[in-house]
Amino acid sequence: MCLFVLARAAWAFDPFTVRDIRVEGIQRIEAGTVFSYLPVKVGETMTDEKASQAIRALFGTGFFRDVRLEVDQNVLVVVVEERPAIASIDFVGMKEFDKEQVKKGLRDVGFQEGRTFDRAQLEQAEQEVKRQYLTRGKYGVVVTTTVTPLERNRVGINFGIDEGEVARILSINIVGNQVFAEKDLLALFVLRTPGWFTWYTKNDQYSRQKLQADLENLRSYYMNRGYLDFNIDSTQVSITPDKRDIYITVNISEGEKYTVSDVKIGGDSIVPEDELRKLITLKAGDPFSRERLSETSKRIVDRLGNEGYAFANANAVPDVDRDKRTVAFTFMVDPGRRVYVRRINIAGNTRTRDEVVRRELRQLEGSFYDASKLQLSKQRVDRTGYFA
C-alpha cells in the first residue's frame, strides 16, 4: 500500500490530452503488449486515476520489476524495467530422478524456461524439488539455487542438490486390530523393517507411494472378508531429528463383520435375468467382499457388451442392516445404447500388410459391437508374432 501511495505522489499531474504514447526500457516485451494494459489512448485525457490504473495493470502482468509514468510535452512516456527471462534450468547432483521428470513438475507450478523470472516462483520451484525427494523417503535432501545473470536480460537457474540418504523404516505398528494378528496384516505390506534381503529389495526405504499402496492392500484385505465399515483412521509417519529413521503407525477401526442377505438384479437388464444371476459371484450367507462385488459388475457389463452394449453399467446399490449386520445388494443395470461397429482402423502396423491383421479379426465392420469377439481378435493378432 505504501508503494502505491508513493507512486501516486511521484506521477501526480494535471489532466492532459495525450498527444502520443512512448514506451522506454522494453527488451523482450512488445510495445503493443504495454499499450494493451493502458487505460488511455492517444487523443484521450490522462488523469491521476488512470495513471494509477496503468501502474496496477502493468505491475499485475508480472513482466516488470519497475514501472514509471512520465510526461514530455503531452507525450505519455511509460518507462519500464523488465524482469529477466529464464534461459535455462539445470540440476547438479541429481541421481534419484530423471531431470526431465523434475522439469515437468516445475512446469506444473509455473516455473519453466522462457517464463519471466520471479523470486517467489523460484522458492515454489525449490519446494517442488524437495517434495519430489520426500516422496522417495529422502528427508535429508538439501537444495540450493543459484541465479546467474546472462546477456539480453536473461538468467540461468541452477539447482544444486545434496540428495542425502534414504530414511529407513525402524518400525511399523498397526493399532486397533483385534480380529487379525498384526504380523499377518504386516505381511500384506511391501514396506518392511530392515532384514536379510532388504539390502537388495530396498523395501526398508520409506516411500510415500509404497505406503499408500500398502494401506490400500490392508483396506482390501478387510473389505474382502466382510468388514464393510473398515476404516483407516490415521497414519502417522515420524522421523528422527537426523532424518535417517522412520516410524510408521497405522490406526484402524475394523468395524463389524457383515454377511450378504440377498442379491438382486434391477434396471433394464436386456439379457434374461436368470442368465445374469449365473454371473453373480456373491450369494446369500457369504461374507461381504468388495472384490467379488466388483467382479460381478464386470461380468454383467461384459455380458451386455457381447450383445452390442459397449457402454453398459452395472452399479451395486447396498442396503445395509446394521442391527443384523447384513447387507443386500441390487445390481442396477443400465445397458446404454446398442453400438454398431462402423469401421475398424489399424494403426502402427509397419511389419506386414493390413490384410494380414484383418483376417485375424472376429469383430466385423457393420455388425453389432461384441466384447468377446473384440477380445478374441486381440488375442489372434497377438499370436501372429508380428507385434510386441
Protein backbone atom coordinates (compact mmCIF):
# COMPACT_ATOMS: atom_id res chain seq x y z
CA MET A 1 0.00 0.00 0.00
CA CYS A 2 2.86 2.40 0.76
CA LEU A 3 4.41 1.74 -2.62
CA PHE A 4 1.14 2.65 -4.32
CA VAL A 5 0.81 5.92 -2.36
CA LEU A 6 4.37 6.92 -3.31
CA ALA A 7 3.58 6.10 -6.92
CA ARG A 8 0.61 8.47 -6.89
CA ALA A 9 2.72 11.22 -5.44
CA ALA A 10 5.53 10.70 -7.94
CA TRP A 11 3.25 10.74 -11.01
CA ALA A 12 0.72 13.35 -9.89
CA PHE A 13 0.00 15.80 -12.69
CA ASP A 14 -2.79 17.91 -14.07
CA PRO A 15 -5.10 16.18 -16.55
CA PHE A 16 -3.92 16.50 -20.15
CA THR A 17 -4.80 15.24 -23.61
CA VAL A 18 -2.39 12.51 -24.70
CA ARG A 19 -0.65 13.58 -27.92
CA ASP A 20 1.37 10.36 -28.20
CA ILE A 21 2.50 7.35 -26.12
CA ARG A 22 6.10 6.20 -25.95
CA VAL A 23 7.46 3.09 -24.23
CA GLU A 24 11.05 3.00 -22.96
CA GLY A 25 13.08 0.18 -21.42
CA ILE A 26 11.49 -2.80 -23.15
CA GLN A 27 13.80 -5.56 -24.36
CA ARG A 28 11.71 -8.68 -24.91
CA ILE A 29 8.17 -7.46 -24.37
CA GLU A 30 6.44 -5.92 -27.38
CA ALA A 31 5.31 -2.30 -27.12
CA GLY A 32 1.84 -3.44 -28.16
CA THR A 33 1.67 -5.56 -25.01
CA VAL A 34 2.29 -2.48 -22.88
CA PHE A 35 -0.29 -0.46 -24.85
CA SER A 36 -2.92 -3.15 -24.27
CA TYR A 37 -2.73 -2.63 -20.49
CA LEU A 38 -3.01 1.17 -20.60
CA PRO A 39 -6.45 2.65 -19.77
CA VAL A 40 -5.87 5.61 -22.11
CA LYS A 41 -5.28 6.09 -25.84
CA VAL A 42 -3.90 8.91 -27.98
CA GLY A 43 -6.41 11.77 -28.00
CA GLU A 44 -7.93 10.85 -24.64
CA THR A 45 -7.49 12.64 -21.33
CA MET A 46 -4.90 11.31 -18.88
CA THR A 47 -5.69 11.69 -15.18
CA ASP A 48 -4.16 10.64 -11.86
CA GLU A 49 -6.79 7.89 -11.58
CA LYS A 50 -5.89 6.45 -14.99
CA ALA A 51 -2.20 6.67 -14.10
CA SER A 52 -2.86 4.57 -11.00
CA GLN A 53 -4.83 2.06 -13.09
CA ALA A 54 -1.96 1.82 -15.58
CA ILE A 55 0.62 1.21 -12.84
CA ARG A 56 -1.51 -1.51 -11.24
CA ALA A 57 -2.19 -3.21 -14.56
CA LEU A 58 1.44 -3.24 -15.71
CA PHE A 59 2.76 -4.48 -12.38
CA GLY A 60 -0.01 -7.09 -12.38
CA THR A 61 1.35 -8.69 -15.56
CA GLY A 62 4.42 -9.88 -13.67
CA PHE A 63 6.59 -8.82 -16.62
CA PHE A 64 8.13 -5.78 -14.99
CA ARG A 65 10.33 -5.07 -11.99
CA ASP A 66 9.66 -1.32 -12.11
CA VAL A 67 7.17 0.93 -13.89
CA ARG A 68 7.17 4.75 -14.12
CA LEU A 69 4.96 7.22 -15.97
CA GLU A 70 6.39 10.49 -17.25
CA VAL A 71 5.03 13.35 -19.35
CA ASP A 72 7.04 15.07 -22.09
CA GLN A 73 5.09 17.84 -23.86
CA ASN A 74 1.81 15.93 -23.58
CA VAL A 75 3.53 12.70 -24.65
CA LEU A 76 2.88 9.93 -22.13
CA VAL A 77 6.18 8.11 -21.53
CA VAL A 78 5.94 4.64 -20.00
CA VAL A 79 9.34 3.68 -18.55
CA VAL A 80 9.66 0.02 -17.60
CA GLU A 81 12.32 -2.30 -16.27
CA GLU A 82 11.62 -5.85 -17.39
CA ARG A 83 12.04 -8.88 -15.22
CA PRO A 84 14.59 -11.26 -16.76
CA ALA A 85 13.51 -14.39 -18.62
CA ILE A 86 14.54 -17.89 -17.57
CA ALA A 87 17.01 -19.05 -20.22
CA SER A 88 17.96 -22.40 -18.72
CA ILE A 89 17.24 -24.71 -15.79
CA ASP A 90 19.87 -27.23 -14.75
CA PHE A 91 20.40 -29.68 -11.91
CA VAL A 92 23.71 -30.67 -10.34
CA GLY A 93 23.94 -33.71 -8.10
CA MET A 94 20.61 -35.21 -9.13
CA LYS A 95 20.77 -39.02 -9.37
CA GLU A 96 17.42 -40.14 -7.96
CA PHE A 97 15.25 -38.66 -10.74
CA ASP A 98 15.26 -38.12 -14.46
CA LYS A 99 15.81 -34.38 -14.95
CA GLU A 100 13.01 -34.06 -17.50
CA GLN A 101 10.61 -35.63 -15.00
CA VAL A 102 11.52 -32.98 -12.43
CA LYS A 103 11.23 -30.21 -15.01
CA LYS A 104 7.69 -31.38 -15.72
CA GLY A 105 6.89 -31.00 -12.04
CA LEU A 106 8.32 -27.47 -12.13
CA ARG A 107 6.18 -26.61 -15.14
CA ASP A 108 3.14 -27.60 -13.11
CA VAL A 109 3.97 -24.82 -10.62
CA GLY A 110 4.60 -22.30 -13.42
CA PHE A 111 8.40 -22.42 -13.42
CA GLN A 112 9.99 -23.20 -16.79
CA GLU A 113 12.39 -21.99 -19.44
CA GLY A 114 11.08 -18.99 -21.35
CA ARG A 115 8.91 -17.74 -18.48
CA THR A 116 9.55 -14.50 -16.63
CA PHE A 117 11.81 -15.00 -13.62
CA ASP A 118 10.24 -14.35 -10.25
CA ARG A 119 11.85 -14.92 -6.84
CA ALA A 120 8.63 -16.13 -5.28
CA GLN A 121 8.19 -18.73 -8.02
CA LEU A 122 11.81 -19.80 -7.56
CA GLU A 123 11.02 -20.58 -3.92
CA GLN A 124 7.98 -22.59 -5.03
CA ALA A 125 10.16 -24.46 -7.53
CA GLU A 126 12.68 -25.27 -4.79
CA GLN A 127 9.89 -26.63 -2.60
CA GLU A 128 8.60 -28.73 -5.52
CA VAL A 129 12.03 -30.32 -5.99
CA LYS A 130 12.18 -31.10 -2.26
CA ARG A 131 8.65 -32.51 -2.37
CA GLN A 132 9.61 -34.98 -5.08
CA TYR A 133 12.55 -36.19 -2.99
CA LEU A 134 10.35 -36.56 0.09
CA THR A 135 8.09 -38.96 -1.83
CA ARG A 136 11.17 -41.19 -2.19
CA GLY A 137 11.96 -41.02 1.52
CA LYS A 138 14.96 -38.70 1.15
CA TYR A 139 14.16 -36.35 4.00
CA GLY A 140 17.74 -35.16 4.31
CA VAL A 141 17.84 -33.62 0.83
CA VAL A 142 19.37 -30.14 0.63
CA VAL A 143 18.52 -27.93 -2.35
CA THR A 144 20.41 -24.72 -3.09
CA THR A 145 19.62 -22.45 -6.02
CA THR A 146 21.93 -20.19 -7.98
CA VAL A 147 20.70 -17.45 -10.32
CA THR A 148 23.24 -16.43 -12.97
CA PRO A 149 22.58 -13.22 -14.98
CA LEU A 150 23.01 -13.66 -18.74
CA GLU A 151 23.03 -11.31 -21.70
CA ARG A 152 19.80 -9.90 -23.16
CA ASN A 153 18.15 -9.72 -19.73
CA ARG A 154 18.07 -13.46 -19.11
CA VAL A 155 19.07 -15.68 -16.22
CA GLY A 156 20.23 -19.26 -15.81
CA ILE A 157 18.85 -21.24 -12.88
CA ASN A 158 20.94 -23.95 -11.26
CA PHE A 159 19.61 -26.34 -8.61
CA GLY A 160 22.45 -27.79 -6.56
CA ILE A 161 21.27 -30.96 -4.83
CA ASP A 162 22.72 -32.98 -1.98
CA GLU A 163 20.40 -35.98 -2.03
CA GLY A 164 21.44 -37.38 1.32
CA GLU A 165 20.46 -40.86 2.47
CA VAL A 166 17.07 -42.52 2.20
CA ALA A 167 15.32 -42.70 5.57
CA ARG A 168 14.94 -46.32 6.69
CA ILE A 169 11.94 -47.78 8.46
CA LEU A 170 12.70 -48.89 12.01
CA SER A 171 9.16 -49.91 12.94
CA ILE A 172 5.65 -50.31 11.51
CA ASN A 173 2.81 -50.63 14.01
CA ILE A 174 -0.87 -51.28 13.38
CA VAL A 175 -3.15 -50.11 16.21
CA GLY A 176 -6.80 -51.14 16.58
CA ASN A 177 -6.68 -54.63 15.09
CA GLN A 178 -8.49 -57.33 17.07
CA VAL A 179 -9.64 -59.89 14.50
CA PHE A 180 -6.38 -60.40 12.64
CA ALA A 181 -2.88 -60.62 14.10
CA GLU A 182 -0.56 -57.71 13.41
CA LYS A 183 2.08 -59.99 11.86
CA ASP A 184 -0.49 -61.27 9.34
CA LEU A 185 -1.50 -57.73 8.42
CA LEU A 186 2.10 -56.55 8.09
CA ALA A 187 2.74 -59.46 5.73
CA LEU A 188 0.48 -57.61 3.27
CA PHE A 189 2.87 -54.65 3.20
CA VAL A 190 5.65 -54.16 0.68
CA LEU A 191 7.39 -51.84 3.12
CA ARG A 192 9.48 -53.67 5.71
CA THR A 193 11.78 -53.05 8.62
CA PRO A 194 15.44 -53.94 7.88
CA GLY A 195 16.00 -57.66 7.33
CA TRP A 196 18.12 -60.20 5.48
CA PHE A 197 17.06 -59.21 1.97
CA THR A 198 16.10 -55.56 2.32
CA TRP A 199 19.60 -54.52 1.27
CA TYR A 200 18.57 -55.90 -2.13
CA THR A 201 14.83 -55.14 -2.29
CA LYS A 202 15.24 -51.74 -0.58
CA ASN A 203 11.78 -52.24 0.91
CA ASP A 204 13.03 -50.82 4.20
CA GLN A 205 13.46 -47.45 2.49
CA TYR A 206 10.45 -45.24 3.09
CA SER A 207 8.34 -44.29 0.08
CA ARG A 208 5.05 -42.42 0.29
CA GLN A 209 3.73 -44.17 -2.82
CA LYS A 210 4.54 -47.61 -1.42
CA LEU A 211 2.87 -46.76 1.87
CA GLN A 212 -0.31 -45.68 0.08
CA ALA A 213 -0.30 -48.95 -1.88
CA ASP A 214 0.20 -50.93 1.34
CA LEU A 215 -2.70 -49.14 3.02
CA GLU A 216 -4.92 -49.98 0.05
CA ASN A 217 -3.88 -53.63 0.35
CA LEU A 218 -4.80 -53.51 4.03
CA ARG A 219 -8.18 -51.98 3.23
CA SER A 220 -8.88 -54.60 0.55
CA TYR A 221 -7.94 -57.41 2.96
CA TYR A 222 -10.64 -56.36 5.41
CA MET A 223 -13.24 -55.35 2.81
CA ASN A 224 -12.95 -58.75 1.11
CA ARG A 225 -13.57 -60.56 4.39
CA GLY A 226 -16.83 -58.95 5.40
CA TYR A 227 -15.67 -55.80 7.17
CA LEU A 228 -17.85 -53.29 5.36
CA ASP A 229 -17.17 -50.45 7.83
CA PHE A 230 -13.41 -50.90 7.98
CA ASN A 231 -11.59 -47.58 8.12
CA ILE A 232 -8.02 -46.34 8.35
CA ASP A 233 -8.45 -43.58 10.91
CA SER A 234 -5.00 -42.07 10.60
CA THR A 235 -1.43 -42.74 9.61
CA GLN A 236 1.48 -41.19 11.46
CA VAL A 237 4.91 -41.11 9.88
CA SER A 238 7.52 -39.73 12.27
CA ILE A 239 11.19 -39.18 11.57
CA THR A 240 14.16 -38.86 13.89
CA PRO A 241 15.92 -35.47 14.16
CA ASP A 242 18.80 -36.68 11.98
CA LYS A 243 16.21 -37.58 9.28
CA ARG A 244 17.56 -41.10 8.91
CA ASP A 245 14.98 -43.30 10.69
CA ILE A 246 11.22 -43.60 10.12
CA TYR A 247 8.49 -44.83 12.48
CA ILE A 248 5.08 -45.64 10.98
CA THR A 249 1.87 -46.07 12.98
CA VAL A 250 -1.41 -47.03 11.28
CA ASN A 251 -4.58 -46.57 13.35
CA ILE A 252 -7.56 -48.61 12.15
CA SER A 253 -11.17 -49.34 13.05
CA GLU A 254 -12.18 -52.84 11.99
CA GLY A 255 -15.92 -52.50 12.46
CA GLU A 256 -18.31 -55.44 12.43
CA LYS A 257 -18.34 -58.35 10.01
CA TYR A 258 -21.24 -58.30 7.55
CA THR A 259 -22.80 -61.13 5.57
CA VAL A 260 -24.79 -60.87 2.35
CA SER A 261 -28.54 -61.28 2.90
CA ASP A 262 -29.72 -61.02 -0.72
CA VAL A 263 -28.56 -60.13 -4.23
CA LYS A 264 -30.99 -58.80 -6.84
CA ILE A 265 -30.91 -57.60 -10.43
CA GLY A 266 -32.62 -54.29 -11.24
CA GLY A 267 -32.84 -51.79 -14.04
CA ASP A 268 -33.05 -52.70 -17.72
CA SER A 269 -31.12 -55.93 -17.98
CA ILE A 270 -31.80 -56.71 -21.70
CA VAL A 271 -30.34 -60.19 -21.11
CA PRO A 272 -32.67 -62.65 -19.31
CA GLU A 273 -32.35 -62.20 -15.54
CA ASP A 274 -31.73 -65.91 -14.97
CA GLU A 275 -28.70 -65.69 -17.21
CA LEU A 276 -27.35 -62.65 -15.37
CA ARG A 277 -27.89 -64.30 -11.98
CA LYS A 278 -25.49 -67.05 -13.03
CA LEU A 279 -22.80 -64.36 -13.27
CA ILE A 280 -23.18 -63.27 -9.64
CA THR A 281 -20.25 -64.42 -7.50
CA LEU A 282 -21.85 -63.42 -4.17
CA LYS A 283 -24.77 -65.30 -2.66
CA ALA A 284 -26.82 -65.04 0.50
CA GLY A 285 -24.83 -66.10 3.54
CA ASP A 286 -21.44 -65.18 2.10
CA PRO A 287 -19.23 -62.63 3.87
CA PHE A 288 -19.29 -59.27 2.12
CA SER A 289 -16.47 -58.98 -0.42
CA ARG A 290 -15.67 -55.82 -2.35
CA GLU A 291 -13.56 -57.83 -4.79
CA ARG A 292 -16.36 -60.27 -5.64
CA LEU A 293 -18.80 -57.39 -5.90
CA SER A 294 -16.59 -55.68 -8.49
CA GLU A 295 -16.09 -58.97 -10.33
CA THR A 296 -19.86 -59.43 -10.61
CA SER A 297 -20.31 -55.92 -12.01
CA LYS A 298 -17.60 -56.60 -14.57
CA ARG A 299 -19.18 -59.91 -15.61
CA ILE A 300 -22.56 -58.28 -16.18
CA VAL A 301 -21.02 -55.42 -18.17
CA ASP A 302 -19.01 -57.88 -20.28
CA ARG A 303 -22.12 -59.96 -20.95
CA LEU A 304 -24.04 -56.91 -22.15
CA GLY A 305 -21.01 -55.97 -24.23
CA ASN A 306 -21.41 -59.25 -26.11
CA GLU A 307 -24.87 -58.05 -27.18
CA GLY A 308 -23.58 -54.76 -28.58
CA TYR A 309 -23.94 -52.58 -25.47
CA ALA A 310 -20.42 -51.18 -25.35
CA PHE A 311 -21.13 -48.57 -22.66
CA ALA A 312 -23.20 -50.59 -20.20
CA ASN A 313 -23.03 -50.06 -16.44
CA ALA A 314 -23.93 -52.33 -13.55
CA ASN A 315 -23.76 -50.50 -10.23
CA ALA A 316 -24.23 -52.36 -6.95
CA VAL A 317 -26.61 -50.46 -4.64
CA PRO A 318 -26.24 -51.60 -0.99
CA ASP A 319 -28.98 -51.87 1.63
CA VAL A 320 -27.23 -52.19 4.98
CA ASP A 321 -28.92 -53.55 8.10
CA ARG A 322 -26.53 -52.63 10.90
CA ASP A 323 -28.60 -54.30 13.61
CA LYS A 324 -28.46 -57.69 11.88
CA ARG A 325 -25.03 -56.99 10.38
CA THR A 326 -26.22 -57.91 6.92
CA VAL A 327 -26.14 -56.18 3.56
CA ALA A 328 -28.30 -56.74 0.48
CA PHE A 329 -27.28 -55.63 -2.99
CA THR A 330 -29.22 -54.70 -6.08
CA PHE A 331 -27.22 -54.55 -9.29
CA MET A 332 -28.83 -51.69 -11.21
CA VAL A 333 -28.20 -52.43 -14.87
CA ASP A 334 -28.05 -49.63 -17.45
CA PRO A 335 -27.21 -51.04 -20.89
CA GLY A 336 -26.96 -47.69 -22.64
CA ARG A 337 -27.29 -47.57 -26.41
CA ARG A 338 -26.57 -50.54 -28.64
CA VAL A 339 -23.48 -49.87 -30.74
CA TYR A 340 -22.63 -50.77 -34.31
CA VAL A 341 -19.04 -51.05 -35.47
CA ARG A 342 -18.86 -48.74 -38.47
CA ARG A 343 -15.15 -49.03 -39.17
CA ILE A 344 -12.06 -50.77 -37.79
CA ASN A 345 -8.85 -48.77 -38.20
CA ILE A 346 -5.42 -50.37 -37.94
CA ALA A 347 -2.60 -48.09 -36.79
CA GLY A 348 1.08 -48.71 -36.06
CA ASN A 349 1.39 -51.63 -38.47
CA THR A 350 4.83 -51.34 -40.10
CA ARG A 351 5.79 -55.02 -40.38
CA THR A 352 3.08 -56.55 -42.55
CA ARG A 353 0.06 -55.73 -44.72
CA ASP A 354 -3.20 -54.68 -43.11
CA GLU A 355 -4.90 -57.66 -44.75
CA VAL A 356 -2.79 -59.99 -42.60
CA VAL A 357 -4.16 -58.30 -39.49
CA ARG A 358 -7.75 -58.07 -40.72
CA ARG A 359 -8.05 -61.77 -41.45
CA GLU A 360 -7.43 -62.44 -37.74
CA LEU A 361 -10.30 -60.19 -36.66
CA ARG A 362 -13.52 -61.76 -35.42
CA GLN A 363 -15.23 -58.43 -34.77
CA LEU A 364 -16.65 -57.41 -38.16
CA GLU A 365 -17.41 -53.97 -39.54
CA GLY A 366 -21.11 -53.26 -39.98
CA SER A 367 -22.12 -55.62 -37.18
CA PHE A 368 -23.03 -55.07 -33.54
CA TYR A 369 -20.17 -54.47 -31.12
CA ASP A 370 -19.22 -57.72 -29.39
CA ALA A 371 -16.80 -57.54 -26.46
CA SER A 372 -15.93 -61.24 -26.61
CA LYS A 373 -15.18 -61.12 -30.34
CA LEU A 374 -13.08 -58.00 -29.84
CA GLN A 375 -11.03 -59.72 -27.14
CA LEU A 376 -10.63 -62.81 -29.33
CA SER A 377 -9.46 -60.58 -32.18
CA LYS A 378 -6.78 -59.05 -29.97
CA GLN A 379 -5.55 -62.48 -28.92
CA ARG A 380 -5.38 -63.74 -32.52
CA VAL A 381 -3.46 -60.64 -33.66
CA ASP A 382 -1.01 -61.07 -30.76
CA ARG A 383 -0.43 -64.70 -31.74
CA THR A 384 0.74 -63.71 -35.23
CA GLY A 385 4.07 -62.75 -33.66
CA TYR A 386 4.36 -59.55 -35.68
CA PHE A 387 3.73 -57.24 -32.77
CA ALA A 388 5.35 -56.83 -29.38
